[in-house]
């Protein structure tokens, strides 16, 4: 299978998995928020204290190789640069996370979220 088709297949699997994970997490978060009075507030404080700058794949050496291949794919074969793709991804993460919380709890701006998520100080 040509490299382009392999990457497209991986990206489709990844997107499907991420969407399912977000839906399950969203419903579970809402359930815990209803069950425990301080859940939402405590989750927000925990996110602000420890949740930024970490990624589930940051300890895997092959992750960097995969991301370089995806970056090359976008730079060569699509109308988007890898920087635009990352920007769209982080914006989507912000909006999804924001949808979990009530507006009076979730007060971090999109700019601060991006800066903290990318560990830019």
PDB file of N, CA and C in Angstrom:
ATOM      1  N   UNK A   1       0.854  -1.172   0.000  1.00  0.00           N
ATOM      2  CA  UNK A   1       0.000   0.000   0.000  1.00  0.00           C
ATOM      3  C   UNK A   1       0.904   1.241   0.000  1.00  0.00           C
ATOM      4  N   UNK A   2       0.673   2.159  -0.910  1.00  0.00           N
ATOM      5  CA  UNK A   2       1.481   3.379  -0.943  1.00  0.00           C
ATOM      6  C   UNK A   2       1.378   4.150   0.381  1.00  0.00           C
ATOM      7  N   UNK A   3       2.444   4.875   0.689  1.00  0.00           N
ATOM      8  CA  UNK A   3       2.529   5.596   1.962  1.00  0.00           C
ATOM      9  C   UNK A   3       1.350   6.548   2.165  1.00  0.00           C
ATOM     10  N   UNK A   4       0.931   7.232   1.106  1.00  0.00           N
ATOM     11  CA  UNK A   4      -0.189   8.183   1.225  1.00  0.00           C
ATOM     12  C   UNK A   4      -1.451   7.485   1.709  1.00  0.00           C
ATOM     13  N   UNK A   5      -1.762   6.319   1.154  1.00  0.00           N
ATOM     14  CA  UNK A   5      -2.957   5.586   1.558  1.00  0.00           C
ATOM     15  C   UNK A   5      -2.835   5.049   2.977  1.00  0.00           C
ATOM     16  N   UNK A   6      -1.621   4.639   3.370  1.00  0.00           N
ATOM     17  CA  UNK A   6      -1.418   4.168   4.741  1.00  0.00           C
ATOM     18  C   UNK A   6      -1.686   5.292   5.741  1.00  0.00           C
ATOM     19  N   UNK A   7      -1.152   6.468   5.467  1.00  0.00           N
ATOM     20  CA  UNK A   7      -1.334   7.596   6.376  1.00  0.00           C
ATOM     21  C   UNK A   7      -2.805   7.999   6.431  1.00  0.00           C
ATOM     22  N   UNK A   8      -3.484   8.021   5.281  1.00  0.00           N
ATOM     23  CA  UNK A   8      -4.903   8.355   5.279  1.00  0.00           C
ATOM     24  C   UNK A   8      -5.701   7.362   6.129  1.00  0.00           C
ATOM     25  N   UNK A   9      -5.371   6.083   6.016  1.00  0.00           N
ATOM     26  CA  UNK A   9      -6.060   5.047   6.786  1.00  0.00           C
ATOM     27  C   UNK A   9      -5.809   5.249   8.285  1.00  0.00           C
ATOM     28  N   UNK A  10      -4.579   5.525   8.662  1.00  0.00           N
ATOM     29  CA  UNK A  10      -4.237   5.760  10.073  1.00  0.00           C
ATOM     30  C   UNK A  10      -4.972   6.984  10.597  1.00  0.00           C
ATOM     31  N   UNK A  11      -5.008   8.055   9.817  1.00  0.00           N
ATOM     32  CA  UNK A  11      -5.690   9.267  10.247  1.00  0.00           C
ATOM     33  C   UNK A  11      -7.184   9.038  10.436  1.00  0.00           C
ATOM     34  N   UNK A  12      -7.803   8.252   9.555  1.00  0.00           N
ATOM     35  CA  UNK A  12      -9.231   7.937   9.709  1.00  0.00           C
ATOM     36  C   UNK A  12      -9.474   7.126  10.980  1.00  0.00           C
ATOM     37  N   UNK A  13      -8.630   6.122  11.252  1.00  0.00           N
ATOM     38  CA  UNK A  13      -8.764   5.327  12.486  1.00  0.00           C
ATOM     39  C   UNK A  13      -8.604   6.220  13.708  1.00  0.00           C
ATOM     40  N   UNK A  14      -7.588   7.078  13.659  1.00  0.00           N
ATOM     41  CA  UNK A  14      -7.300   7.959  14.786  1.00  0.00           C
ATOM     42  C   UNK A  14      -8.470   8.897  15.051  1.00  0.00           C
ATOM     43  N   UNK A  15      -9.017   9.485  14.005  1.00  0.00           N
ATOM     44  CA  UNK A  15     -10.131  10.417  14.161  1.00  0.00           C
ATOM     45  C   UNK A  15     -11.358   9.706  14.720  1.00  0.00           C
ATOM     46  N   UNK A  16     -11.653   8.515  14.213  1.00  0.00           N
ATOM     47  CA  UNK A  16     -12.812   7.768  14.699  1.00  0.00           C
ATOM     48  C   UNK A  16     -12.637   7.438  16.177  1.00  0.00           C
ATOM     49  N   UNK A  17     -11.451   6.982  16.553  1.00  0.00           N
ATOM     50  CA  UNK A  17     -11.170   6.636  17.937  1.00  0.00           C
ATOM     51  C   UNK A  17     -11.275   7.865  18.840  1.00  0.00           C
ATOM     52  N   UNK A  18     -10.734   8.994  18.403  1.00  0.00           N
ATOM     53  CA  UNK A  18     -10.777  10.224  19.203  1.00  0.00           C
ATOM     54  C   UNK A  18     -12.215  10.699  19.403  1.00  0.00           C
ATOM     55  N   UNK A  19     -13.032  10.626  18.367  1.00  0.00           N
ATOM     56  CA  UNK A  19     -14.423  11.074  18.490  1.00  0.00           C
ATOM     57  C   UNK A  19     -15.202  10.209  19.469  1.00  0.00           C
ATOM     58  N   UNK A  20     -14.991   8.909  19.408  1.00  0.00           N
ATOM     59  CA  UNK A  20     -15.672   8.004  20.340  1.00  0.00           C
ATOM     60  C   UNK A  20     -15.192   8.271  21.761  1.00  0.00           C
ATOM     61  N   UNK A  21     -13.905   8.432  21.936  1.00  0.00           N
ATOM     62  CA  UNK A  21     -13.349   8.703  23.258  1.00  0.00           C
ATOM     63  C   UNK A  21     -13.911  10.002  23.837  1.00  0.00           C
ATOM     64  N   UNK A  22     -13.987  11.046  23.029  1.00  0.00           N
ATOM     65  CA  UNK A  22     -14.514  12.330  23.496  1.00  0.00           C
ATOM     66  C   UNK A  22     -15.979  12.195  23.911  1.00  0.00           C
ATOM     67  N   UNK A  23     -16.786  11.478  23.129  1.00  0.00           N
ATOM     68  CA  UNK A  23     -18.202  11.309  23.468  1.00  0.00           C
ATOM     69  C   UNK A  23     -18.369  10.560  24.787  1.00  0.00           C
ATOM     70  N   UNK A  24     -17.624   9.478  24.957  1.00  0.00           N
ATOM     71  CA  UNK A  24     -17.712   8.697  26.189  1.00  0.00           C
ATOM     72  C   UNK A  24     -17.255   9.539  27.379  1.00  0.00           C
ATOM     73  N   UNK A  25     -16.135  10.226  27.223  1.00  0.00           N
ATOM     74  CA  UNK A  25     -15.615  11.063  28.300  1.00  0.00           C
ATOM     75  C   UNK A  25     -16.597  12.176  28.660  1.00  0.00           C
ATOM     76  N   UNK A  26     -17.203  12.784  27.661  1.00  0.00           N
ATOM     77  CA  UNK A  26     -18.157  13.868  27.895  1.00  0.00           C
ATOM     78  C   UNK A  26     -19.341  13.382  28.735  1.00  0.00           C
ATOM     79  N   UNK A  27     -19.926  12.247  28.367  1.00  0.00           N
ATOM     80  CA  UNK A  27     -21.066  11.716  29.123  1.00  0.00           C
ATOM     81  C   UNK A  27     -20.655  11.306  30.536  1.00  0.00           C
ATOM     82  N   UNK A  28     -19.479  10.723  30.668  1.00  0.00           N
ATOM     83  CA  UNK A  28     -18.998  10.317  31.988  1.00  0.00           C
ATOM     84  C   UNK A  28     -18.732  11.547  32.872  1.00  0.00           C
ATOM     85  N   UNK A  29     -18.168  12.573  32.283  1.00  0.00           N
ATOM     86  CA  UNK A  29     -17.906  13.812  33.013  1.00  0.00           C
ATOM     87  C   UNK A  29     -19.218  14.425  33.511  1.00  0.00           C
ATOM     88  N   UNK A  30     -20.212  14.481  32.645  1.00  0.00           N
ATOM     89  CA  UNK A  30     -21.519  15.036  33.043  1.00  0.00           C
ATOM     90  C   UNK A  30     -22.159  14.191  34.144  1.00  0.00           C
ATOM     91  N   UNK A  31     -22.023  12.876  34.048  1.00  0.00           N
ATOM     92  CA  UNK A  31     -22.559  11.986  35.080  1.00  0.00           C
ATOM     93  C   UNK A  31     -21.893  12.274  36.428  1.00  0.00           C
ATOM     94  N   UNK A  32     -20.563  12.355  36.452  1.00  0.00           N
ATOM     95  CA  UNK A  32     -19.852  12.623  37.702  1.00  0.00           C
ATOM     96  C   UNK A  32     -20.162  14.019  38.244  1.00  0.00           C
ATOM     97  N   UNK A  33     -20.373  14.967  37.343  1.00  0.00           N
ATOM     98  CA  UNK A  33     -20.720  16.329  37.769  1.00  0.00           C
ATOM     99  C   UNK A  33     -22.080  16.367  38.465  1.00  0.00           C
ATOM    100  N   UNK A  34     -23.007  15.548  37.980  1.00  0.00           N
ATOM    101  CA  UNK A  34     -24.322  15.477  38.634  1.00  0.00           C
ATOM    102  C   UNK A  34     -24.240  14.701  39.952  1.00  0.00           C
ATOM    103  N   UNK A  35     -23.417  13.671  39.979  1.00  0.00           N
ATOM    104  CA  UNK A  35     -23.324  12.801  41.152  1.00  0.00           C
ATOM    105  C   UNK A  35     -22.592  13.471  42.316  1.00  0.00           C
ATOM    106  N   UNK A  36     -21.520  14.186  42.011  1.00  0.00           N
ATOM    107  CA  UNK A  36     -20.705  14.812  43.056  1.00  0.00           C
ATOM    108  C   UNK A  36     -20.731  16.328  42.884  1.00  0.00           C
ATOM    109  N   UNK A  37     -21.137  17.016  43.920  1.00  0.00           N
ATOM    110  CA  UNK A  37     -21.348  18.465  43.873  1.00  0.00           C
ATOM    111  C   UNK A  37     -20.106  19.242  43.413  1.00  0.00           C
ATOM    112  N   UNK A  38     -18.924  18.879  43.885  1.00  0.00           N
ATOM    113  CA  UNK A  38     -17.693  19.632  43.586  1.00  0.00           C
ATOM    114  C   UNK A  38     -16.860  19.040  42.455  1.00  0.00           C
ATOM    115  N   UNK A  39     -17.388  18.026  41.764  1.00  0.00           N
ATOM    116  CA  UNK A  39     -16.607  17.349  40.731  1.00  0.00           C
ATOM    117  C   UNK A  39     -16.107  18.318  39.653  1.00  0.00           C
ATOM    118  N   UNK A  40     -16.987  19.106  39.111  1.00  0.00           N
ATOM    119  CA  UNK A  40     -16.639  20.012  38.012  1.00  0.00           C
ATOM    120  C   UNK A  40     -15.567  21.016  38.450  1.00  0.00           C
ATOM    121  N   UNK A  41     -15.753  21.608  39.599  1.00  0.00           N
ATOM    122  CA  UNK A  41     -14.791  22.581  40.125  1.00  0.00           C
ATOM    123  C   UNK A  41     -13.442  21.924  40.396  1.00  0.00           C
ATOM    124  N   UNK A  42     -13.446  20.750  41.018  1.00  0.00           N
ATOM    125  CA  UNK A  42     -12.195  20.038  41.305  1.00  0.00           C
ATOM    126  C   UNK A  42     -11.484  19.597  40.030  1.00  0.00           C
ATOM    127  N   UNK A  43     -12.248  19.153  39.027  1.00  0.00           N
ATOM    128  CA  UNK A  43     -11.646  18.754  37.756  1.00  0.00           C
ATOM    129  C   UNK A  43     -10.989  19.943  37.063  1.00  0.00           C
ATOM    130  N   UNK A  44     -11.633  21.092  37.117  1.00  0.00           N
ATOM    131  CA  UNK A  44     -11.067  22.310  36.526  1.00  0.00           C
ATOM    132  C   UNK A  44      -9.770  22.698  37.236  1.00  0.00           C
ATOM    133  N   UNK A  45      -9.772  22.663  38.560  1.00  0.00           N
ATOM    134  CA  UNK A  45      -8.563  23.008  39.315  1.00  0.00           C
ATOM    135  C   UNK A  45      -7.434  22.030  39.024  1.00  0.00           C
ATOM    136  N   UNK A  46      -7.741  20.763  38.921  1.00  0.00           N
ATOM    137  CA  UNK A  46      -6.734  19.746  38.603  1.00  0.00           C
ATOM    138  C   UNK A  46      -6.156  19.974  37.207  1.00  0.00           C
ATOM    139  N   UNK A  47      -7.027  20.288  36.248  1.00  0.00           N
ATOM    140  CA  UNK A  47      -6.561  20.563  34.890  1.00  0.00           C
ATOM    141  C   UNK A  47      -5.596  21.746  34.885  1.00  0.00           C
ATOM    142  N   UNK A  48      -5.952  22.805  35.595  1.00  0.00           N
ATOM    143  CA  UNK A  48      -5.109  23.993  35.624  1.00  0.00           C
ATOM    144  C   UNK A  48      -3.787  23.718  36.330  1.00  0.00           C
ATOM    145  N   UNK A  49      -3.800  22.862  37.358  1.00  0.00           N
ATOM    146  CA  UNK A  49      -2.582  22.553  38.112  1.00  0.00           C
ATOM    147  C   UNK A  49      -1.665  21.573  37.397  1.00  0.00           C
ATOM    148  N   UNK A  50      -2.236  20.518  36.792  1.00  0.00           N
ATOM    149  CA  UNK A  50      -1.407  19.424  36.291  1.00  0.00           C
ATOM    150  C   UNK A  50      -1.699  18.967  34.867  1.00  0.00           C
ATOM    151  N   UNK A  51      -2.727  19.492  34.251  1.00  0.00           N
ATOM    152  CA  UNK A  51      -3.187  18.929  32.994  1.00  0.00           C
ATOM    153  C   UNK A  51      -2.518  19.421  31.729  1.00  0.00           C
ATOM    154  N   UNK A  52      -1.743  20.466  31.819  1.00  0.00           N
ATOM    155  CA  UNK A  52      -1.162  21.027  30.602  1.00  0.00           C
ATOM    156  C   UNK A  52       0.252  20.510  30.356  1.00  0.00           C
ATOM    157  N   UNK A  53       0.613  20.468  29.082  1.00  0.00           N
ATOM    158  CA  UNK A  53       1.968  20.090  28.711  1.00  0.00           C
ATOM    159  C   UNK A  53       2.230  18.603  28.741  1.00  0.00           C
ATOM    160  N   UNK A  54       1.171  17.809  28.888  1.00  0.00           N
ATOM    161  CA  UNK A  54       1.352  16.362  28.881  1.00  0.00           C
ATOM    162  C   UNK A  54       0.602  15.784  27.691  1.00  0.00           C
ATOM    163  N   UNK A  55       1.121  14.722  27.164  1.00  0.00           N
ATOM    164  CA  UNK A  55       0.473  14.052  26.040  1.00  0.00           C
ATOM    165  C   UNK A  55       0.630  12.561  26.242  1.00  0.00           C
ATOM    166  N   UNK A  56      -0.404  11.822  25.962  1.00  0.00           N
ATOM    167  CA  UNK A  56      -0.390  10.386  26.211  1.00  0.00           C
ATOM    168  C   UNK A  56       0.692   9.652  25.422  1.00  0.00           C
ATOM    169  N   UNK A  57       1.156  10.199  24.333  1.00  0.00           N
ATOM    170  CA  UNK A  57       2.153   9.512  23.510  1.00  0.00           C
ATOM    171  C   UNK A  57       3.554  10.113  23.648  1.00  0.00           C
ATOM    172  N   UNK A  58       3.744  11.030  24.561  1.00  0.00           N
ATOM    173  CA  UNK A  58       5.037  11.725  24.650  1.00  0.00           C
ATOM    174  C   UNK A  58       6.193  10.811  25.044  1.00  0.00           C
ATOM    175  N   UNK A  59       5.926   9.642  25.609  1.00  0.00           N
ATOM    176  CA  UNK A  59       6.988   8.722  26.018  1.00  0.00           C
ATOM    177  C   UNK A  59       7.290   7.645  24.981  1.00  0.00           C
ATOM    178  N   UNK A  60       6.682   7.734  23.815  1.00  0.00           N
ATOM    179  CA  UNK A  60       6.874   6.704  22.799  1.00  0.00           C
ATOM    180  C   UNK A  60       7.717   7.246  21.653  1.00  0.00           C
ATOM    181  N   UNK A  61       8.832   6.592  21.392  1.00  0.00           N
ATOM    182  CA  UNK A  61       9.764   7.077  20.370  1.00  0.00           C
ATOM    183  C   UNK A  61       9.145   7.050  18.973  1.00  0.00           C
ATOM    184  N   UNK A  62       8.311   6.100  18.675  1.00  0.00           N
ATOM    185  CA  UNK A  62       7.712   5.994  17.339  1.00  0.00           C
ATOM    186  C   UNK A  62       6.665   7.083  17.086  1.00  0.00           C
ATOM    187  N   UNK A  63       6.157   7.689  18.145  1.00  0.00           N
ATOM    188  CA  UNK A  63       5.183   8.770  17.986  1.00  0.00           C
ATOM    189  C   UNK A  63       5.788   9.934  17.207  1.00  0.00           C
ATOM    190  N   UNK A  64       7.027  10.293  17.538  1.00  0.00           N
ATOM    191  CA  UNK A  64       7.700  11.384  16.834  1.00  0.00           C
ATOM    192  C   UNK A  64       7.866  11.050  15.348  1.00  0.00           C
ATOM    193  N   UNK A  65       8.228   9.831  15.057  1.00  0.00           N
ATOM    194  CA  UNK A  65       8.393   9.397  13.665  1.00  0.00           C
ATOM    195  C   UNK A  65       7.058   9.493  12.929  1.00  0.00           C
ATOM    196  N   UNK A  66       5.982   9.019  13.570  1.00  0.00           N
ATOM    197  CA  UNK A  66       4.662   9.080  12.944  1.00  0.00           C
ATOM    198  C   UNK A  66       4.260  10.531  12.683  1.00  0.00           C
ATOM    199  N   UNK A  67       4.478  11.413  13.658  1.00  0.00           N
ATOM    200  CA  UNK A  67       4.100  12.809  13.482  1.00  0.00           C
ATOM    201  C   UNK A  67       4.913  13.479  12.373  1.00  0.00           C
ATOM    202  N   UNK A  68       6.178  13.121  12.233  1.00  0.00           N
ATOM    203  CA  UNK A  68       6.987  13.664  11.135  1.00  0.00           C
ATOM    204  C   UNK A  68       6.421  13.222   9.783  1.00  0.00           C
ATOM    205  N   UNK A  69       6.006  11.967   9.687  1.00  0.00           N
ATOM    206  CA  UNK A  69       5.416  11.463   8.439  1.00  0.00           C
ATOM    207  C   UNK A  69       4.095  12.167   8.133  1.00  0.00           C
ATOM    208  N   UNK A  70       3.279  12.357   9.158  1.00  0.00           N
ATOM    209  CA  UNK A  70       2.010  13.063   8.960  1.00  0.00           C
ATOM    210  C   UNK A  70       2.282  14.499   8.534  1.00  0.00           C
ATOM    211  N   UNK A  71       3.274  15.136   9.148  1.00  0.00           N
ATOM    212  CA  UNK A  71       3.650  16.501   8.771  1.00  0.00           C
ATOM    213  C   UNK A  71       4.085  16.587   7.320  1.00  0.00           C
ATOM    214  N   UNK A  72       4.905  15.644   6.889  1.00  0.00           N
ATOM    215  CA  UNK A  72       5.348  15.622   5.484  1.00  0.00           C
ATOM    216  C   UNK A  72       4.167  15.410   4.550  1.00  0.00           C
ATOM    217  N   UNK A  73       3.242  14.528   4.949  1.00  0.00           N
ATOM    218  CA  UNK A  73       2.056  14.276   4.142  1.00  0.00           C
ATOM    219  C   UNK A  73       1.271  15.565   3.930  1.00  0.00           C
ATOM    220  N   UNK A  74       1.004  16.295   5.014  1.00  0.00           N
ATOM    221  CA  UNK A  74       0.238  17.538   4.894  1.00  0.00           C
ATOM    222  C   UNK A  74       0.998  18.589   4.089  1.00  0.00           C
ATOM    223  N   UNK A  75       2.292  18.694   4.287  1.00  0.00           N
ATOM    224  CA  UNK A  75       3.068  19.694   3.571  1.00  0.00           C
ATOM    225  C   UNK A  75       3.099  19.418   2.065  1.00  0.00           C
ATOM    226  N   UNK A  76       3.103  18.155   1.678  1.00  0.00           N
ATOM    227  CA  UNK A  76       3.208  17.807   0.266  1.00  0.00           C
ATOM    228  C   UNK A  76       1.884  17.659  -0.451  1.00  0.00           C
ATOM    229  N   UNK A  77       0.896  17.085   0.227  1.00  0.00           N
ATOM    230  CA  UNK A  77      -0.262  16.582  -0.501  1.00  0.00           C
ATOM    231  C   UNK A  77      -1.598  17.252  -0.182  1.00  0.00           C
ATOM    232  N   UNK A  78      -1.605  18.224   0.674  1.00  0.00           N
ATOM    233  CA  UNK A  78      -2.877  18.868   0.979  1.00  0.00           C
ATOM    234  C   UNK A  78      -2.719  20.378   0.928  1.00  0.00           C
ATOM    235  N   UNK A  79      -3.834  21.063   1.079  1.00  0.00           N
ATOM    236  CA  UNK A  79      -3.794  22.528   1.078  1.00  0.00           C
ATOM    237  C   UNK A  79      -3.410  23.086   2.441  1.00  0.00           C
ATOM    238  N   UNK A  80      -3.272  22.217   3.458  1.00  0.00           N
ATOM    239  CA  UNK A  80      -2.937  22.667   4.809  1.00  0.00           C
ATOM    240  C   UNK A  80      -1.486  22.364   5.145  1.00  0.00           C
ATOM    241  N   UNK A  81      -0.868  23.245   5.895  1.00  0.00           N
ATOM    242  CA  UNK A  81       0.459  22.951   6.436  1.00  0.00           C
ATOM    243  C   UNK A  81       0.266  22.222   7.764  1.00  0.00           C
ATOM    244  N   UNK A  82       1.301  21.588   8.259  1.00  0.00           N
ATOM    245  CA  UNK A  82       1.204  20.889   9.531  1.00  0.00           C
ATOM    246  C   UNK A  82       0.903  21.882  10.655  1.00  0.00           C
ATOM    247  N   UNK A  83       1.386  23.099  10.539  1.00  0.00           N
ATOM    248  CA  UNK A  83       1.092  24.107  11.557  1.00  0.00           C
ATOM    249  C   UNK A  83      -0.408  24.428  11.588  1.00  0.00           C
ATOM    250  N   UNK A  84      -1.037  24.520  10.422  1.00  0.00           N
ATOM    251  CA  UNK A  84      -2.483  24.756  10.371  1.00  0.00           C
ATOM    252  C   UNK A  84      -3.251  23.573  10.973  1.00  0.00           C
ATOM    253  N   UNK A  85      -2.780  22.361  10.701  1.00  0.00           N
ATOM    254  CA  UNK A  85      -3.435  21.163  11.234  1.00  0.00           C
ATOM    255  C   UNK A  85      -3.329  21.145  12.758  1.00  0.00           C
ATOM    256  N   UNK A  86      -2.153  21.436  13.287  1.00  0.00           N
ATOM    257  CA  UNK A  86      -1.980  21.480  14.738  1.00  0.00           C
ATOM    258  C   UNK A  86      -2.844  22.562  15.365  1.00  0.00           C
ATOM    259  N   UNK A  87      -2.919  23.706  14.704  1.00  0.00           N
ATOM    260  CA  UNK A  87      -3.756  24.791  15.200  1.00  0.00           C
ATOM    261  C   UNK A  87      -5.231  24.370  15.254  1.00  0.00           C
ATOM    262  N   UNK A  88      -5.705  23.734  14.196  1.00  0.00           N
ATOM    263  CA  UNK A  88      -7.091  23.256  14.175  1.00  0.00           C
ATOM    264  C   UNK A  88      -7.319  22.198  15.254  1.00  0.00           C
ATOM    265  N   UNK A  89      -6.341  21.328  15.452  1.00  0.00           N
ATOM    266  CA  UNK A  89      -6.453  20.270  16.450  1.00  0.00           C
ATOM    267  C   UNK A  89      -6.540  20.846  17.859  1.00  0.00           C
ATOM    268  N   UNK A  90      -5.670  21.792  18.175  1.00  0.00           N
ATOM    269  CA  UNK A  90      -5.673  22.376  19.508  1.00  0.00           C
ATOM    270  C   UNK A  90      -6.942  23.190  19.735  1.00  0.00           C
ATOM    271  N   UNK A  91      -7.397  23.883  18.712  1.00  0.00           N
ATOM    272  CA  UNK A  91      -8.651  24.644  18.841  1.00  0.00           C
ATOM    273  C   UNK A  91      -9.827  23.702  19.099  1.00  0.00           C
ATOM    274  N   UNK A  92      -9.862  22.583  18.407  1.00  0.00           N
ATOM    275  CA  UNK A  92     -10.915  21.595  18.611  1.00  0.00           C
ATOM    276  C   UNK A  92     -10.858  21.040  20.032  1.00  0.00           C
ATOM    277  N   UNK A  93      -9.648  20.757  20.512  1.00  0.00           N
ATOM    278  CA  UNK A  93      -9.502  20.260  21.884  1.00  0.00           C
ATOM    279  C   UNK A  93     -10.038  21.283  22.884  1.00  0.00           C
ATOM    280  N   UNK A  94      -9.701  22.547  22.667  1.00  0.00           N
ATOM    281  CA  UNK A  94     -10.170  23.601  23.562  1.00  0.00           C
ATOM    282  C   UNK A  94     -11.698  23.658  23.581  1.00  0.00           C
ATOM    283  N   UNK A  95     -12.307  23.668  22.408  1.00  0.00           N
ATOM    284  CA  UNK A  95     -13.763  23.779  22.325  1.00  0.00           C
ATOM    285  C   UNK A  95     -14.459  22.558  22.929  1.00  0.00           C
ATOM    286  N   UNK A  96     -13.892  21.378  22.721  1.00  0.00           N
ATOM    287  CA  UNK A  96     -14.466  20.171  23.322  1.00  0.00           C
ATOM    288  C   UNK A  96     -14.376  20.233  24.839  1.00  0.00           C
ATOM    289  N   UNK A  97     -13.209  20.599  25.336  1.00  0.00           N
ATOM    290  CA  UNK A  97     -13.031  20.694  26.779  1.00  0.00           C
ATOM    291  C   UNK A  97     -13.947  21.747  27.378  1.00  0.00           C
ATOM    292  N   UNK A  98     -14.069  22.856  26.709  1.00  0.00           N
ATOM    293  CA  UNK A  98     -14.945  23.935  27.179  1.00  0.00           C
ATOM    294  C   UNK A  98     -16.395  23.454  27.264  1.00  0.00           C
ATOM    295  N   UNK A  99     -16.806  22.577  26.355  1.00  0.00           N
ATOM    296  CA  UNK A  99     -18.186  22.086  26.357  1.00  0.00           C
ATOM    297  C   UNK A  99     -18.478  21.191  27.560  1.00  0.00           C
ATOM    298  N   UNK A 100     -17.451  20.656  28.205  1.00  0.00           N
ATOM    299  CA  UNK A 100     -17.651  19.823  29.391  1.00  0.00           C
ATOM    300  C   UNK A 100     -18.149  20.659  30.570  1.00  0.00           C
ATOM    301  N   UNK A 101     -17.655  21.881  30.670  1.00  0.00           N
ATOM    302  CA  UNK A 101     -17.838  22.699  31.864  1.00  0.00           C
ATOM    303  C   UNK A 101     -18.933  23.745  31.682  1.00  0.00           C
ATOM    304  N   UNK A 102     -19.447  24.192  32.813  1.00  0.00           N
ATOM    305  CA  UNK A 102     -20.348  25.340  32.789  1.00  0.00           C
ATOM    306  C   UNK A 102     -19.496  26.604  32.636  1.00  0.00           C
ATOM    307  N   UNK A 103     -20.044  27.659  32.044  1.00  0.00           N
ATOM    308  CA  UNK A 103     -19.259  28.878  31.787  1.00  0.00           C
ATOM    309  C   UNK A 103     -18.683  29.525  33.043  1.00  0.00           C
ATOM    310  N   UNK A 104     -19.360  29.400  34.170  1.00  0.00           N
ATOM    311  CA  UNK A 104     -18.832  30.028  35.388  1.00  0.00           C
ATOM    312  C   UNK A 104     -17.628  29.272  35.961  1.00  0.00           C
ATOM    313  N   UNK A 105     -17.435  28.011  35.584  1.00  0.00           N
ATOM    314  CA  UNK A 105     -16.275  27.234  36.059  1.00  0.00           C
ATOM    315  C   UNK A 105     -15.111  27.349  35.079  1.00  0.00           C
ATOM    316  N   UNK A 106     -15.381  27.154  33.800  1.00  0.00           N
ATOM    317  CA  UNK A 106     -14.309  27.124  32.793  1.00  0.00           C
ATOM    318  C   UNK A 106     -14.008  28.546  32.337  1.00  0.00           C
ATOM    319  N   UNK A 107     -12.920  29.091  32.809  1.00  0.00           N
ATOM    320  CA  UNK A 107     -12.604  30.494  32.527  1.00  0.00           C
ATOM    321  C   UNK A 107     -11.308  30.691  31.767  1.00  0.00           C
ATOM    322  N   UNK A 108     -10.619  29.624  31.406  1.00  0.00           N
ATOM    323  CA  UNK A 108      -9.349  29.787  30.697  1.00  0.00           C
ATOM    324  C   UNK A 108      -9.625  30.213  29.255  1.00  0.00           C
ATOM    325  N   UNK A 109      -8.869  31.185  28.790  1.00  0.00           N
ATOM    326  CA  UNK A 109      -9.061  31.661  27.419  1.00  0.00           C
ATOM    327  C   UNK A 109      -8.430  30.677  26.430  1.00  0.00           C
ATOM    328  N   UNK A 110      -8.854  30.769  25.200  1.00  0.00           N
ATOM    329  CA  UNK A 110      -8.278  29.892  24.166  1.00  0.00           C
ATOM    330  C   UNK A 110      -6.778  30.151  24.019  1.00  0.00           C
ATOM    331  N   UNK A 111      -6.380  31.412  24.089  1.00  0.00           N
ATOM    332  CA  UNK A 111      -4.958  31.755  23.980  1.00  0.00           C
ATOM    333  C   UNK A 111      -4.158  31.102  25.105  1.00  0.00           C
ATOM    334  N   UNK A 112      -4.636  31.228  26.346  1.00  0.00           N
ATOM    335  CA  UNK A 112      -3.922  30.633  27.480  1.00  0.00           C
ATOM    336  C   UNK A 112      -3.917  29.112  27.404  1.00  0.00           C
ATOM    337  N   UNK A 113      -5.016  28.538  26.937  1.00  0.00           N
ATOM    338  CA  UNK A 113      -5.068  27.091  26.764  1.00  0.00           C
ATOM    339  C   UNK A 113      -3.983  26.639  25.784  1.00  0.00           C
ATOM    340  N   UNK A 114      -3.902  27.305  24.640  1.00  0.00           N
ATOM    341  CA  UNK A 114      -2.898  26.945  23.628  1.00  0.00           C
ATOM    342  C   UNK A 114      -1.488  27.121  24.181  1.00  0.00           C
ATOM    343  N   UNK A 115      -1.252  28.226  24.830  1.00  0.00           N
ATOM    344  CA  UNK A 115       0.078  28.502  25.378  1.00  0.00           C
ATOM    345  C   UNK A 115       0.458  27.459  26.432  1.00  0.00           C
ATOM    346  N   UNK A 116      -0.459  27.141  27.321  1.00  0.00           N
ATOM    347  CA  UNK A 116      -0.179  26.158  28.353  1.00  0.00           C
ATOM    348  C   UNK A 116      -0.075  24.744  27.803  1.00  0.00           C
ATOM    349  N   UNK A 117      -0.921  24.417  26.840  1.00  0.00           N
ATOM    350  CA  UNK A 117      -0.922  23.079  26.246  1.00  0.00           C
ATOM    351  C   UNK A 117       0.393  22.813  25.517  1.00  0.00           C
ATOM    352  N   UNK A 118       0.930  23.835  24.904  1.00  0.00           N
ATOM    353  CA  UNK A 118       2.170  23.671  24.154  1.00  0.00           C
ATOM    354  C   UNK A 118       3.401  23.977  25.003  1.00  0.00           C
ATOM    355  N   UNK A 119       3.187  24.241  26.286  1.00  0.00           N
ATOM    356  CA  UNK A 119       4.284  24.535  27.227  1.00  0.00           C
ATOM    357  C   UNK A 119       5.085  25.752  26.810  1.00  0.00           C
ATOM    358  N   UNK A 120       4.422  26.771  26.299  1.00  0.00           N
ATOM    359  CA  UNK A 120       5.099  28.014  25.931  1.00  0.00           C
ATOM    360  C   UNK A 120       4.994  28.941  27.139  1.00  0.00           C
ATOM    361  N   UNK A 121       6.116  29.307  27.685  1.00  0.00           N
ATOM    362  CA  UNK A 121       6.113  30.154  28.881  1.00  0.00           C
ATOM    363  C   UNK A 121       6.779  31.480  28.578  1.00  0.00           C
TER     364      UNK A 121
END
